[in-house]
Amino acid sequence: MTPDSSGGERGRNMALQFSDEEFQKAWTELDQPMLDGGWEFFTETMNVKIYRLYNKETGLYEYKVFGSLDGCSPDLLADVYMDLNYRRHWDSYAKELHEKDYSGQKAIYWEVKYPLPLSNRDYVYVRERRDLDAGGRKIWVVLAKSSCVSQCAEKRGVIRVKDYKQSLAMESDGSGGTKVFMNYFDNPGGMIPTWLVNWAAKTGVPAFLTDMKKACANYANYCTNNK
């Protein structure tokens, strides 16, 4: 799954890659996920429900995640999610993660550690964050998608993920936590067994949520120590 006070500003100041309509669509399912058209319930864990949709072309699933994260406000969660430097500090799977200017186009490079004997995967993607006022509701939205940046050469032994998209919407749950909706798909490529992909989806979400909660709790200290 993807990733300051500084990163938030950078995200907003990047050349706009997403439309107003895409941001509007991203948060409309905070109240109720739209599950027509083949979506099925997958699993539930840590106050989060996960639904999936089978993609016949790839043989993979697209996911929708809906629930809440207690003990972490949405503005803090958004800042932590956007902070690439901090994510390198707390995410043990992030081998390399940075934003770079590729001949005038800013993009994020992210290499993810995979367990042996699988090859690592890497992503080149763009993202944008907007803090919205939707009829009096304050909502934080982050959109991300793959980007074709020819200047970022593929590494030997690392598989480039070329089909990736994510939308994340957050707002207060009214009791100090965050109400979250996420829509996510990536095609990791290579020969990964279906059972392993399903296992990773089912176990990866609770592990990531646990890490995010810890990251939010430690963010103030991190910022103080890394001014």
Protein backbone atom coordinates (compact mmCIF):
# COMPACT_ATOMS: atom_id res chain seq x y z
CA MET A 1 0.00 0.00 0.00
CA THR A 2 1.14 3.73 -0.88
CA PRO A 3 2.76 6.85 0.92
CA ASP A 4 4.79 15.66 5.24
CA SER A 5 4.04 18.65 6.16
CA SER A 6 6.58 19.30 3.37
CA GLY A 7 5.42 16.36 1.26
CA GLY A 8 1.84 17.58 1.50
CA GLU A 9 2.85 20.91 0.06
CA ARG A 10 4.90 19.26 -2.64
CA GLY A 11 1.95 17.06 -3.51
CA ARG A 12 -0.30 20.09 -3.89
CA ASN A 13 2.27 22.04 -5.86
CA MET A 14 3.05 19.35 -8.42
CA ALA A 15 1.66 19.82 -11.90
CA LEU A 16 -1.96 18.80 -11.59
CA GLN A 17 -2.39 15.18 -12.68
CA PHE A 18 -5.98 14.66 -11.54
CA SER A 19 -9.29 16.33 -12.27
CA ASP A 20 -11.80 17.86 -9.86
CA GLU A 21 -14.16 15.05 -10.83
CA GLU A 22 -11.64 12.41 -9.76
CA PHE A 23 -11.33 14.03 -6.34
CA GLN A 24 -15.10 14.27 -6.06
CA LYS A 25 -15.46 10.58 -6.90
CA ALA A 26 -12.76 9.59 -4.42
CA TRP A 27 -14.67 10.67 -1.31
CA THR A 28 -18.28 9.95 -2.29
CA GLU A 29 -17.96 6.38 -0.99
CA LEU A 30 -16.95 7.45 2.51
CA ASP A 31 -20.60 7.12 3.53
CA GLN A 32 -21.38 3.94 1.62
CA PRO A 33 -19.17 1.97 -0.79
CA MET A 34 -20.67 1.39 -4.23
CA LEU A 35 -20.51 -2.37 -4.65
CA ASP A 36 -22.62 -3.04 -7.75
CA GLY A 37 -21.06 -4.68 -10.78
CA GLY A 38 -19.41 -7.72 -9.25
CA TRP A 39 -17.84 -6.47 -6.03
CA GLU A 40 -17.72 -9.14 -3.32
CA PHE A 41 -16.94 -9.07 0.39
CA PHE A 42 -13.38 -10.31 1.00
CA THR A 43 -12.50 -9.93 4.67
CA GLU A 44 -12.95 -7.78 7.77
CA THR A 45 -10.27 -6.84 10.29
CA MET A 46 -9.51 -4.03 12.76
CA ASN A 47 -12.77 -2.13 12.07
CA VAL A 48 -12.07 -2.30 8.33
CA LYS A 49 -14.00 -4.16 5.64
CA ILE A 50 -12.35 -5.11 2.36
CA TYR A 51 -14.22 -5.77 -0.87
CA ARG A 52 -12.75 -6.98 -4.15
CA LEU A 53 -13.60 -7.03 -7.86
CA TYR A 54 -12.15 -9.61 -10.23
CA ASN A 55 -10.40 -8.26 -13.32
CA LYS A 56 -10.73 -10.78 -16.16
CA GLU A 57 -7.95 -9.21 -18.23
CA THR A 58 -5.29 -9.53 -15.54
CA GLY A 59 -6.70 -12.31 -13.35
CA LEU A 60 -6.16 -9.98 -10.38
CA TYR A 61 -8.45 -8.13 -8.00
CA GLU A 62 -9.16 -4.48 -7.44
CA TYR A 63 -9.90 -3.61 -3.80
CA LYS A 64 -12.08 -1.24 -1.83
CA VAL A 65 -11.28 -0.67 1.84
CA PHE A 66 -13.82 0.97 4.13
CA GLY A 67 -13.64 1.54 7.88
CA SER A 68 -12.04 3.59 10.63
CA LEU A 69 -8.67 4.09 12.28
CA ASP A 70 -8.97 5.05 15.93
CA GLY A 71 -6.56 7.27 17.81
CA CYS A 72 -5.39 9.19 14.74
CA SER A 73 -6.95 12.38 13.37
CA PRO A 74 -7.40 12.69 9.58
CA ASP A 75 -5.10 15.70 9.20
CA LEU A 76 -2.33 13.84 11.05
CA LEU A 77 -2.97 10.67 9.05
CA ALA A 78 -2.78 12.65 5.80
CA ASP A 79 0.51 14.27 6.82
CA VAL A 80 2.04 10.94 7.82
CA TYR A 81 0.82 9.31 4.62
CA MET A 82 2.38 12.04 2.49
CA ASP A 83 5.74 12.17 4.28
CA LEU A 84 8.12 10.10 2.17
CA ASN A 85 11.13 10.70 4.42
CA TYR A 86 9.20 9.51 7.44
CA ARG A 87 7.85 6.46 5.62
CA ARG A 88 11.39 5.32 4.92
CA HIS A 89 11.86 5.51 8.68
CA TRP A 90 8.87 3.34 9.70
CA ASP A 91 8.03 1.15 6.68
CA SER A 92 10.36 -1.86 6.68
CA TYR A 93 9.24 -2.80 3.15
CA ALA A 94 10.34 0.48 1.57
CA LYS A 95 13.83 -0.17 0.22
CA GLU A 96 13.94 3.11 -1.70
CA LEU A 97 11.41 5.95 -1.71
CA HIS A 98 11.85 9.50 -2.92
CA GLU A 99 10.40 12.21 -5.11
CA LYS A 100 12.50 13.37 -8.03
CA ASP A 101 12.32 15.79 -10.93
CA TYR A 102 12.62 13.81 -14.17
CA SER A 103 13.31 16.41 -16.87
CA GLY A 104 10.66 18.77 -15.56
CA GLN A 105 8.15 16.13 -14.45
CA LYS A 106 8.03 15.31 -10.74
CA ALA A 107 7.33 11.72 -9.86
CA ILE A 108 7.86 9.39 -6.93
CA TYR A 109 10.10 6.34 -7.14
CA TRP A 110 9.29 3.52 -4.72
CA GLU A 111 11.03 0.15 -4.49
CA VAL A 112 9.24 -2.41 -2.33
CA LYS A 113 10.98 -5.37 -0.72
CA TYR A 114 9.50 -8.77 -1.59
CA PRO A 115 10.37 -11.98 0.27
CA LEU A 116 12.79 -14.37 -1.42
CA PRO A 117 12.66 -15.97 -3.91
CA LEU A 118 10.43 -13.22 -5.36
CA SER A 119 11.95 -10.18 -7.03
CA ASN A 120 11.43 -6.73 -5.55
CA ARG A 121 8.90 -4.46 -7.27
CA ASP A 122 9.26 -0.78 -8.01
CA TYR A 123 6.80 1.96 -8.88
CA VAL A 124 7.08 5.31 -10.60
CA TYR A 125 3.96 7.31 -9.86
CA VAL A 126 2.45 10.75 -9.42
CA ARG A 127 0.17 11.80 -6.60
CA GLU A 128 -1.79 14.78 -5.42
CA ARG A 129 -3.36 15.71 -2.10
CA ARG A 130 -6.27 18.07 -1.61
CA ASP A 131 -7.89 19.17 1.65
CA LEU A 132 -11.52 19.71 0.70
CA ASP A 133 -14.56 21.42 2.16
CA ALA A 134 -17.52 19.38 0.93
CA GLY A 135 -20.69 21.07 2.13
CA GLY A 136 -19.18 21.73 5.54
CA ARG A 137 -17.43 18.37 5.75
CA LYS A 138 -13.64 18.58 5.89
CA ILE A 139 -12.22 15.76 3.81
CA TRP A 140 -8.64 14.88 2.94
CA VAL A 141 -8.08 13.12 -0.40
CA VAL A 142 -4.91 11.66 -1.91
CA LEU A 143 -4.85 10.30 -5.46
CA ALA A 144 -2.00 8.35 -7.04
CA LYS A 145 -1.38 6.55 -10.34
CA SER A 146 1.42 5.07 -12.40
CA SER A 147 3.48 7.45 -14.51
CA CYS A 148 5.57 6.69 -17.56
CA VAL A 149 8.89 8.45 -16.94
CA SER A 150 11.40 7.32 -19.53
CA GLN A 151 14.30 8.85 -17.59
CA CYS A 152 13.73 6.42 -14.70
CA ALA A 153 15.33 3.28 -16.05
CA GLU A 154 14.23 -0.13 -14.82
CA LYS A 155 16.67 -1.95 -12.54
CA ARG A 156 18.03 -5.38 -13.21
CA GLY A 157 16.35 -7.92 -10.94
CA VAL A 158 13.50 -5.54 -9.99
CA ILE A 159 10.10 -5.76 -11.69
CA ARG A 160 8.50 -2.44 -12.62
CA VAL A 161 4.81 -2.15 -11.66
CA LYS A 162 3.27 -0.28 -14.59
CA ASP A 163 -0.41 -0.54 -13.69
CA TYR A 164 -1.11 1.08 -10.32
CA LYS A 165 -3.82 3.35 -9.00
CA GLN A 166 -5.00 4.42 -5.58
CA SER A 167 -7.51 6.85 -4.15
CA LEU A 168 -7.68 7.55 -0.43
CA ALA A 169 -10.30 9.67 1.34
CA MET A 170 -10.28 10.55 5.05
CA GLU A 171 -12.46 12.53 7.44
CA SER A 172 -12.99 12.68 11.19
CA ASP A 173 -15.10 9.91 12.69
CA GLY A 174 -16.25 12.33 15.39
CA SER A 175 -14.42 10.62 18.23
CA GLY A 176 -10.74 11.36 17.66
CA GLY A 177 -10.22 8.85 14.88
CA THR A 178 -10.42 8.79 11.10
CA LYS A 179 -13.05 7.41 8.76
CA VAL A 180 -11.27 5.98 5.72
CA PHE A 181 -12.19 4.85 2.21
CA MET A 182 -9.60 3.51 -0.23
CA ASN A 183 -9.82 2.14 -3.77
CA TYR A 184 -6.70 0.29 -4.88
CA PHE A 185 -5.29 -1.76 -7.74
CA ASP A 186 -1.86 -2.77 -8.88
CA ASN A 187 -0.51 -5.46 -11.15
CA PRO A 188 2.74 -6.73 -9.59
CA GLY A 189 3.72 -8.64 -12.72
CA GLY A 190 5.84 -11.74 -12.71
CA MET A 191 4.70 -15.20 -11.73
CA ILE A 192 3.16 -14.75 -8.30
CA PRO A 193 0.71 -17.51 -7.28
CA THR A 194 -2.88 -16.36 -6.81
CA TRP A 195 -2.98 -17.75 -3.28
CA LEU A 196 0.00 -15.61 -2.34
CA VAL A 197 -1.59 -12.46 -3.75
CA ASN A 198 -4.77 -13.18 -1.79
CA TRP A 199 -2.80 -13.92 1.38
CA ALA A 200 -0.87 -10.67 1.03
CA ALA A 201 -4.09 -8.69 0.55
CA LYS A 202 -5.71 -10.28 3.59
CA THR A 203 -2.74 -9.98 5.95
CA GLY A 204 -1.13 -6.85 4.55
CA VAL A 205 -3.98 -4.46 5.38
CA PRO A 206 -4.08 -5.12 9.16
CA ALA A 207 -0.27 -5.05 9.31
CA PHE A 208 -0.18 -1.75 7.45
CA LEU A 209 -2.90 -0.24 9.65
CA THR A 210 -0.98 -1.25 12.77
CA ASP A 211 2.17 0.36 11.38
CA MET A 212 0.26 3.50 10.42
CA LYS A 213 -1.14 3.89 13.93
CA LYS A 214 2.34 3.60 15.41
CA ALA A 215 3.67 6.03 12.82
CA CYS A 216 0.99 8.59 13.69
CA ALA A 217 1.72 8.24 17.41
CA ASN A 218 5.44 8.85 16.84
CA TYR A 219 5.20 11.56 14.19
CA ALA A 220 5.48 14.57 16.50
CA ASN A 221 8.72 13.22 18.01
CA TYR A 222 10.06 12.46 14.56
CA CYS A 223 9.36 16.00 13.35
CA THR A 224 10.95 17.49 16.47
CA ASN A 225 14.09 15.39 16.07
CA ASN A 226 14.39 15.95 12.31
CA LYS A 227 13.87 19.68 11.90
